[in-house]
């Protein structure tokens, strides 16, 4: 059995799409809703990753960067698809950076201490010493209440 945890966030940003034939060509803003999911083994406390730790990473890597910004200053073509892809790449890079920094591929690589069990896709939970990293498995970026982009590996 695989376990995935998800946390949702919102941020406000403006953009314009000069190539667009409709009203999106003009400057306008959105309250984006972002859903981020990570997957991994349960630790000794029965969690994949503390929601507060996931919140901290997304706040630092996404919200601090994009909230109340003009997206055209950050992306040449700030479509929801390209913004979602950039966010995915930033979060994935941050997760890898922590894993390399600690020399580990388990929970402790991203701030969750004490994970003694690791994950095997074929066998589920396995014993100590066979670390499997937490990994980003899903991202959904809502540009409006009825329009979203979804990414997964």
N, C-alpha and C. Protein backbone atom coordinates (compact mmCIF):
# COMPACT_ATOMS: atom_id res chain seq x y z
N UNK A 1 0.85 -1.17 0.00
CA UNK A 1 0.00 0.00 0.00
C UNK A 1 0.89 1.23 0.00
N UNK A 2 0.59 2.19 -0.84
CA UNK A 2 1.33 3.44 -0.91
C UNK A 2 0.56 4.51 -0.16
N UNK A 3 1.29 5.43 0.46
CA UNK A 3 0.66 6.50 1.21
C UNK A 3 1.11 7.84 0.64
N UNK A 4 0.15 8.70 0.42
CA UNK A 4 0.40 10.03 -0.14
C UNK A 4 -0.24 11.06 0.76
N UNK A 5 0.47 12.16 1.02
CA UNK A 5 -0.10 13.28 1.77
C UNK A 5 -0.16 14.49 0.85
N UNK A 6 -1.22 15.28 1.03
CA UNK A 6 -1.47 16.44 0.17
C UNK A 6 -1.78 17.64 1.04
N UNK A 7 -1.27 18.77 0.63
CA UNK A 7 -1.59 20.04 1.30
C UNK A 7 -1.94 21.05 0.22
N UNK A 8 -2.92 21.91 0.52
CA UNK A 8 -3.38 22.93 -0.43
C UNK A 8 -2.94 24.32 0.05
N UNK A 9 -2.69 25.19 -0.90
CA UNK A 9 -2.21 26.55 -0.65
C UNK A 9 -2.90 27.51 -1.61
N UNK A 10 -2.88 28.79 -1.29
CA UNK A 10 -3.34 29.81 -2.24
C UNK A 10 -2.32 30.93 -2.30
N UNK A 11 -2.25 31.56 -3.46
CA UNK A 11 -1.44 32.76 -3.63
C UNK A 11 -2.06 33.60 -4.73
N UNK A 12 -1.81 34.90 -4.66
CA UNK A 12 -2.35 35.84 -5.63
C UNK A 12 -1.22 36.33 -6.53
N UNK A 13 -1.50 36.40 -7.83
CA UNK A 13 -0.50 36.88 -8.78
C UNK A 13 -1.20 37.41 -10.02
N UNK A 14 -0.50 38.27 -10.73
CA UNK A 14 -1.03 38.85 -11.97
C UNK A 14 -0.17 38.43 -13.15
N UNK A 15 -0.77 38.44 -14.32
CA UNK A 15 -0.02 38.17 -15.55
C UNK A 15 -0.82 38.67 -16.75
N UNK A 16 -0.18 38.58 -17.87
CA UNK A 16 -0.86 38.82 -19.14
C UNK A 16 -0.20 37.94 -20.18
N UNK A 17 -1.00 37.56 -21.17
CA UNK A 17 -0.53 36.67 -22.24
C UNK A 17 -0.65 37.43 -23.56
N UNK A 18 0.39 38.16 -23.97
CA UNK A 18 0.32 39.02 -25.15
C UNK A 18 -0.11 38.30 -26.43
N UNK A 19 0.16 37.02 -26.53
CA UNK A 19 -0.18 36.24 -27.72
C UNK A 19 -1.66 35.85 -27.74
N UNK A 20 -2.35 35.94 -26.62
CA UNK A 20 -3.73 35.46 -26.49
C UNK A 20 -4.69 36.37 -27.25
N UNK A 21 -5.62 35.78 -27.97
CA UNK A 21 -6.58 36.55 -28.78
C UNK A 21 -7.73 37.13 -27.94
N UNK A 22 -7.91 36.65 -26.73
CA UNK A 22 -9.02 37.09 -25.89
C UNK A 22 -8.60 38.05 -24.80
N UNK A 23 -9.43 38.11 -23.76
CA UNK A 23 -9.19 39.07 -22.68
C UNK A 23 -7.95 38.76 -21.85
N UNK A 24 -7.42 37.54 -21.92
CA UNK A 24 -6.20 37.20 -21.18
C UNK A 24 -4.97 37.95 -21.72
N UNK A 25 -5.14 38.61 -22.84
CA UNK A 25 -4.06 39.43 -23.39
C UNK A 25 -3.79 40.65 -22.49
N UNK A 26 -4.83 41.08 -21.79
CA UNK A 26 -4.70 42.24 -20.91
C UNK A 26 -4.24 41.81 -19.52
N UNK A 27 -3.65 42.74 -18.81
CA UNK A 27 -3.21 42.49 -17.44
C UNK A 27 -4.39 42.08 -16.58
N UNK A 28 -4.24 40.98 -15.84
CA UNK A 28 -5.29 40.50 -14.95
C UNK A 28 -4.65 39.64 -13.86
N UNK A 29 -5.41 39.35 -12.82
CA UNK A 29 -4.87 38.58 -11.71
C UNK A 29 -5.73 37.39 -11.37
N UNK A 30 -5.15 36.48 -10.59
CA UNK A 30 -5.84 35.28 -10.15
C UNK A 30 -5.48 35.00 -8.69
N UNK A 31 -6.38 34.35 -7.99
CA UNK A 31 -6.04 33.70 -6.73
C UNK A 31 -5.86 32.24 -7.08
N UNK A 32 -4.59 31.84 -7.19
CA UNK A 32 -4.26 30.47 -7.55
C UNK A 32 -4.44 29.56 -6.33
N UNK A 33 -4.88 28.35 -6.59
CA UNK A 33 -4.94 27.32 -5.56
C UNK A 33 -3.97 26.22 -6.00
N UNK A 34 -3.06 25.86 -5.12
CA UNK A 34 -2.03 24.89 -5.41
C UNK A 34 -2.19 23.70 -4.48
N UNK A 35 -2.21 22.50 -5.05
CA UNK A 35 -2.24 21.27 -4.27
C UNK A 35 -0.95 20.52 -4.54
N UNK A 36 -0.25 20.13 -3.48
CA UNK A 36 1.03 19.44 -3.59
C UNK A 36 0.94 18.13 -2.82
N UNK A 37 1.33 17.03 -3.47
CA UNK A 37 1.32 15.72 -2.84
C UNK A 37 2.71 15.10 -2.85
N UNK A 38 3.07 14.49 -1.72
CA UNK A 38 4.30 13.71 -1.63
C UNK A 38 3.94 12.32 -1.14
N UNK A 39 4.78 11.38 -1.51
CA UNK A 39 4.53 9.98 -1.19
C UNK A 39 5.78 9.38 -0.55
N UNK A 40 5.57 8.46 0.36
CA UNK A 40 6.69 7.79 0.98
C UNK A 40 6.22 6.81 2.02
N UNK A 41 7.18 6.24 2.74
CA UNK A 41 6.84 5.27 3.78
C UNK A 41 6.31 5.96 5.03
N UNK A 42 5.56 5.23 5.80
CA UNK A 42 5.14 5.73 7.11
C UNK A 42 6.32 5.65 8.06
N UNK A 43 6.48 6.67 8.88
CA UNK A 43 7.55 6.62 9.87
C UNK A 43 7.06 5.96 11.15
N UNK A 44 7.89 6.01 12.17
CA UNK A 44 7.54 5.35 13.43
C UNK A 44 6.32 5.95 14.09
N UNK A 45 5.94 7.18 13.70
CA UNK A 45 4.75 7.84 14.25
C UNK A 45 3.52 7.64 13.37
N UNK A 46 3.68 6.92 12.26
CA UNK A 46 2.55 6.65 11.38
C UNK A 46 2.24 7.77 10.40
N UNK A 47 3.24 8.60 10.07
CA UNK A 47 3.03 9.67 9.09
C UNK A 47 4.05 9.55 7.97
N UNK A 48 3.69 10.08 6.81
CA UNK A 48 4.62 10.14 5.68
C UNK A 48 5.54 11.33 5.86
N UNK A 49 4.95 12.48 6.11
CA UNK A 49 5.71 13.72 6.32
C UNK A 49 4.81 14.67 7.07
N UNK A 50 5.33 15.35 8.03
CA UNK A 50 4.53 16.28 8.81
C UNK A 50 3.99 17.38 7.89
N UNK A 51 2.70 17.65 8.00
CA UNK A 51 2.08 18.68 7.17
C UNK A 51 2.77 20.03 7.36
N UNK A 52 3.25 20.31 8.57
CA UNK A 52 3.95 21.57 8.83
C UNK A 52 5.25 21.65 8.03
N UNK A 53 5.95 20.54 7.86
CA UNK A 53 7.19 20.53 7.08
C UNK A 53 6.90 20.71 5.60
N UNK A 54 5.85 20.08 5.11
CA UNK A 54 5.44 20.28 3.72
C UNK A 54 5.05 21.73 3.51
N UNK A 55 4.30 22.28 4.46
CA UNK A 55 3.90 23.68 4.38
C UNK A 55 5.12 24.61 4.31
N UNK A 56 6.11 24.35 5.13
CA UNK A 56 7.30 25.20 5.16
C UNK A 56 8.03 25.17 3.82
N UNK A 57 8.19 23.99 3.23
CA UNK A 57 8.89 23.90 1.96
C UNK A 57 8.13 24.66 0.87
N UNK A 58 6.82 24.47 0.79
CA UNK A 58 6.04 25.14 -0.25
C UNK A 58 6.00 26.66 -0.01
N UNK A 59 5.90 27.05 1.23
CA UNK A 59 5.92 28.49 1.52
C UNK A 59 7.23 29.11 1.05
N UNK A 60 8.33 28.48 1.40
CA UNK A 60 9.66 29.01 1.06
C UNK A 60 9.93 28.98 -0.45
N UNK A 61 9.59 27.87 -1.10
CA UNK A 61 9.95 27.69 -2.51
C UNK A 61 8.93 28.23 -3.50
N UNK A 62 7.68 28.37 -3.08
CA UNK A 62 6.63 28.78 -4.00
C UNK A 62 5.96 30.09 -3.57
N UNK A 63 5.36 30.08 -2.40
CA UNK A 63 4.58 31.25 -1.99
C UNK A 63 5.44 32.49 -1.87
N UNK A 64 6.60 32.37 -1.25
CA UNK A 64 7.48 33.54 -1.12
C UNK A 64 7.93 34.06 -2.48
N UNK A 65 7.98 33.20 -3.46
CA UNK A 65 8.47 33.57 -4.79
C UNK A 65 7.36 34.15 -5.68
N UNK A 66 6.13 33.63 -5.57
CA UNK A 66 5.08 34.00 -6.52
C UNK A 66 3.95 34.86 -5.95
N UNK A 67 3.75 34.84 -4.66
CA UNK A 67 2.60 35.56 -4.10
C UNK A 67 2.75 37.07 -4.30
N UNK A 68 1.68 37.68 -4.82
CA UNK A 68 1.60 39.11 -5.09
C UNK A 68 2.73 39.57 -6.01
N UNK A 69 2.94 38.80 -7.07
CA UNK A 69 3.96 39.12 -8.06
C UNK A 69 3.32 39.25 -9.44
N UNK A 70 4.03 39.93 -10.31
CA UNK A 70 3.68 40.01 -11.73
C UNK A 70 4.45 38.87 -12.40
N UNK A 71 3.75 37.82 -12.78
CA UNK A 71 4.39 36.59 -13.25
C UNK A 71 5.21 36.78 -14.53
N UNK A 72 4.87 37.79 -15.33
CA UNK A 72 5.65 38.05 -16.54
C UNK A 72 7.09 38.45 -16.21
N UNK A 73 7.35 38.92 -14.99
CA UNK A 73 8.72 39.22 -14.57
C UNK A 73 9.50 37.94 -14.27
N UNK A 74 8.79 36.84 -14.05
CA UNK A 74 9.43 35.59 -13.67
C UNK A 74 9.44 34.54 -14.77
N UNK A 75 8.47 34.63 -15.69
CA UNK A 75 8.34 33.67 -16.80
C UNK A 75 8.08 34.45 -18.08
N UNK A 76 8.71 34.04 -19.16
CA UNK A 76 8.47 34.71 -20.45
C UNK A 76 7.03 34.55 -20.91
N UNK A 77 6.45 33.40 -20.63
CA UNK A 77 5.10 33.09 -21.07
C UNK A 77 4.37 32.43 -19.89
N UNK A 78 3.82 33.22 -18.97
CA UNK A 78 3.29 32.68 -17.72
C UNK A 78 1.91 32.03 -17.82
N UNK A 79 1.83 30.98 -18.62
CA UNK A 79 0.60 30.20 -18.68
C UNK A 79 0.51 29.35 -17.41
N UNK A 80 -0.66 28.88 -17.09
CA UNK A 80 -0.83 28.00 -15.93
C UNK A 80 0.01 26.74 -16.09
N UNK A 81 0.08 26.21 -17.32
CA UNK A 81 0.85 24.99 -17.57
C UNK A 81 2.34 25.20 -17.29
N UNK A 82 2.89 26.32 -17.77
CA UNK A 82 4.31 26.58 -17.57
C UNK A 82 4.61 26.96 -16.12
N UNK A 83 3.71 27.66 -15.47
CA UNK A 83 3.88 27.99 -14.06
C UNK A 83 3.87 26.72 -13.22
N UNK A 84 2.93 25.83 -13.47
CA UNK A 84 2.86 24.57 -12.74
C UNK A 84 4.13 23.75 -12.94
N UNK A 85 4.63 23.71 -14.16
CA UNK A 85 5.85 22.97 -14.46
C UNK A 85 7.04 23.56 -13.71
N UNK A 86 7.13 24.89 -13.67
CA UNK A 86 8.24 25.52 -12.95
C UNK A 86 8.13 25.23 -11.45
N UNK A 87 6.94 25.29 -10.90
CA UNK A 87 6.75 24.99 -9.48
C UNK A 87 7.17 23.55 -9.20
N UNK A 88 6.75 22.62 -10.04
CA UNK A 88 7.13 21.20 -9.88
C UNK A 88 8.65 21.09 -9.82
N UNK A 89 9.32 21.70 -10.79
CA UNK A 89 10.77 21.60 -10.88
C UNK A 89 11.45 22.19 -9.64
N UNK A 90 10.92 23.29 -9.13
CA UNK A 90 11.49 23.91 -7.93
C UNK A 90 11.31 23.02 -6.71
N UNK A 91 10.12 22.45 -6.53
CA UNK A 91 9.88 21.59 -5.38
C UNK A 91 10.70 20.31 -5.47
N UNK A 92 10.75 19.73 -6.65
CA UNK A 92 11.52 18.50 -6.83
C UNK A 92 13.01 18.76 -6.56
N UNK A 93 13.52 19.88 -7.05
CA UNK A 93 14.92 20.23 -6.82
C UNK A 93 15.20 20.44 -5.33
N UNK A 94 14.26 21.06 -4.63
CA UNK A 94 14.43 21.28 -3.20
C UNK A 94 14.47 19.95 -2.45
N UNK A 95 13.62 19.03 -2.82
CA UNK A 95 13.62 17.72 -2.18
C UNK A 95 14.95 16.99 -2.44
N UNK A 96 15.44 17.05 -3.68
CA UNK A 96 16.72 16.41 -4.01
C UNK A 96 17.88 17.08 -3.28
N UNK A 97 17.83 18.41 -3.17
CA UNK A 97 18.89 19.16 -2.50
C UNK A 97 19.02 18.71 -1.04
N UNK A 98 17.90 18.55 -0.37
CA UNK A 98 17.93 18.10 1.01
C UNK A 98 18.45 16.67 1.12
N UNK A 99 18.09 15.82 0.17
CA UNK A 99 18.56 14.45 0.20
C UNK A 99 20.07 14.39 0.01
N UNK A 100 20.59 15.18 -0.92
CA UNK A 100 22.03 15.20 -1.15
C UNK A 100 22.77 15.81 0.04
N UNK A 101 22.20 16.85 0.61
CA UNK A 101 22.82 17.54 1.74
C UNK A 101 23.00 16.61 2.94
N UNK A 102 22.02 15.77 3.18
CA UNK A 102 22.09 14.88 4.34
C UNK A 102 22.68 13.53 4.01
N UNK A 103 22.87 13.25 2.71
CA UNK A 103 23.40 11.95 2.32
C UNK A 103 22.42 10.83 2.57
N UNK A 104 21.14 11.17 2.62
CA UNK A 104 20.12 10.18 2.94
C UNK A 104 19.02 10.27 1.91
N UNK A 105 18.22 9.23 1.87
CA UNK A 105 17.08 9.26 0.96
C UNK A 105 15.78 8.97 1.68
N UNK A 106 15.79 9.03 3.00
CA UNK A 106 14.59 8.78 3.78
C UNK A 106 13.97 10.06 4.30
N UNK A 107 13.08 9.94 5.28
CA UNK A 107 12.38 11.08 5.85
C UNK A 107 13.33 12.16 6.32
N UNK A 108 14.42 11.76 6.98
CA UNK A 108 15.33 12.73 7.55
C UNK A 108 15.94 13.64 6.49
N UNK A 109 15.87 13.22 5.22
CA UNK A 109 16.42 14.05 4.16
C UNK A 109 15.67 15.35 3.99
N UNK A 110 14.44 15.40 4.43
CA UNK A 110 13.65 16.61 4.25
C UNK A 110 13.08 17.08 5.57
N UNK A 111 13.64 16.65 6.65
CA UNK A 111 13.23 17.21 7.92
C UNK A 111 12.45 16.28 8.82
N UNK A 112 12.10 15.09 8.39
CA UNK A 112 11.33 14.18 9.24
C UNK A 112 12.30 13.19 9.87
N UNK A 113 12.66 13.40 11.12
CA UNK A 113 13.62 12.55 11.80
C UNK A 113 12.96 11.25 12.25
N UNK A 114 13.78 10.23 12.37
CA UNK A 114 13.34 9.02 13.02
C UNK A 114 12.62 8.01 12.15
N UNK A 115 12.71 8.11 10.85
CA UNK A 115 12.06 7.11 10.00
C UNK A 115 12.92 5.85 10.02
N UNK A 116 12.37 4.77 10.52
CA UNK A 116 13.13 3.54 10.59
C UNK A 116 12.72 2.55 9.52
N UNK A 117 11.54 2.71 8.98
CA UNK A 117 11.10 1.82 7.92
C UNK A 117 11.19 2.55 6.59
N UNK A 118 11.51 1.85 5.54
CA UNK A 118 11.57 2.44 4.21
C UNK A 118 10.53 1.76 3.33
N UNK A 119 10.40 2.25 2.14
CA UNK A 119 9.32 1.85 1.26
C UNK A 119 9.86 1.13 0.04
N UNK A 120 9.23 0.06 -0.34
CA UNK A 120 9.53 -0.63 -1.58
C UNK A 120 8.22 -0.74 -2.34
N UNK A 121 8.21 -0.31 -3.59
CA UNK A 121 6.96 -0.33 -4.35
C UNK A 121 6.42 -1.74 -4.51
N UNK A 122 7.31 -2.72 -4.54
CA UNK A 122 6.87 -4.10 -4.71
C UNK A 122 6.40 -4.73 -3.40
N UNK A 123 7.02 -4.33 -2.29
CA UNK A 123 6.77 -5.02 -1.04
C UNK A 123 6.10 -4.18 0.03
N UNK A 124 5.89 -2.90 -0.21
CA UNK A 124 5.34 -2.05 0.84
C UNK A 124 6.41 -1.68 1.83
N UNK A 125 6.10 -1.74 3.12
CA UNK A 125 7.07 -1.36 4.14
C UNK A 125 8.17 -2.42 4.21
N UNK A 126 9.40 -1.94 4.32
CA UNK A 126 10.54 -2.84 4.49
C UNK A 126 11.37 -2.34 5.66
N UNK A 127 12.33 -3.12 6.08
CA UNK A 127 13.09 -2.81 7.28
C UNK A 127 14.08 -1.68 7.13
N UNK A 128 14.75 -1.36 8.23
CA UNK A 128 15.75 -0.30 8.25
C UNK A 128 16.87 -0.59 7.26
N UNK A 129 17.49 0.50 6.76
CA UNK A 129 18.66 0.34 5.91
C UNK A 129 18.35 0.34 4.42
N UNK A 130 17.11 0.27 4.02
CA UNK A 130 16.77 0.33 2.60
C UNK A 130 15.92 1.57 2.38
N UNK A 131 16.58 2.71 2.44
CA UNK A 131 15.87 3.99 2.36
C UNK A 131 15.31 4.22 0.97
N UNK A 132 14.13 4.75 0.94
CA UNK A 132 13.46 5.16 -0.30
C UNK A 132 13.01 6.59 -0.08
N UNK A 133 13.32 7.49 -0.97
CA UNK A 133 13.04 8.90 -0.71
C UNK A 133 11.55 9.24 -0.74
N UNK A 134 11.25 10.27 0.01
CA UNK A 134 9.96 10.91 -0.19
C UNK A 134 10.02 11.49 -1.59
N UNK A 135 8.91 11.46 -2.28
CA UNK A 135 8.95 12.01 -3.63
C UNK A 135 7.68 12.78 -3.94
N UNK A 136 7.85 13.79 -4.75
CA UNK A 136 6.74 14.58 -5.24
C UNK A 136 5.98 13.72 -6.24
N UNK A 137 4.68 13.54 -6.01
CA UNK A 137 3.93 12.64 -6.88
C UNK A 137 2.76 13.30 -7.59
N UNK A 138 2.39 14.51 -7.18
CA UNK A 138 1.22 15.13 -7.80
C UNK A 138 1.21 16.61 -7.48
N UNK A 139 0.84 17.41 -8.47
CA UNK A 139 0.69 18.84 -8.28
C UNK A 139 -0.49 19.29 -9.12
N UNK A 140 -1.36 20.09 -8.52
CA UNK A 140 -2.50 20.63 -9.23
C UNK A 140 -2.54 22.13 -8.97
N UNK A 141 -2.56 22.90 -10.05
CA UNK A 141 -2.60 24.35 -9.95
C UNK A 141 -3.90 24.85 -10.56
N UNK A 142 -4.76 25.39 -9.70
CA UNK A 142 -6.03 25.97 -10.13
C UNK A 142 -5.79 27.44 -10.45
N UNK A 143 -6.05 27.84 -11.69
CA UNK A 143 -5.93 29.25 -12.06
C UNK A 143 -7.24 29.98 -11.74
N UNK A 144 -8.34 29.30 -11.95
CA UNK A 144 -9.66 29.82 -11.58
C UNK A 144 -10.40 28.70 -10.87
N UNK A 145 -11.60 28.97 -10.41
CA UNK A 145 -12.35 27.95 -9.67
C UNK A 145 -12.74 26.76 -10.53
N UNK A 146 -12.67 26.90 -11.85
CA UNK A 146 -13.07 25.78 -12.71
C UNK A 146 -12.03 25.42 -13.77
N UNK A 147 -10.78 25.91 -13.61
CA UNK A 147 -9.73 25.61 -14.58
C UNK A 147 -8.43 25.30 -13.86
N UNK A 148 -7.88 24.11 -14.10
CA UNK A 148 -6.68 23.67 -13.39
C UNK A 148 -5.74 22.91 -14.31
N UNK A 149 -4.49 22.85 -13.91
CA UNK A 149 -3.46 22.07 -14.57
C UNK A 149 -3.01 21.00 -13.56
N UNK A 150 -2.84 19.75 -14.03
CA UNK A 150 -2.39 18.66 -13.17
C UNK A 150 -1.09 18.10 -13.70
N UNK A 151 -0.15 17.84 -12.79
CA UNK A 151 1.13 17.23 -13.15
C UNK A 151 1.39 16.03 -12.24
N UNK A 152 1.99 15.02 -12.80
CA UNK A 152 2.44 13.85 -12.04
C UNK A 152 3.56 13.19 -12.85
N UNK A 153 4.43 12.43 -12.17
CA UNK A 153 5.56 11.82 -12.91
C UNK A 153 5.10 10.75 -13.88
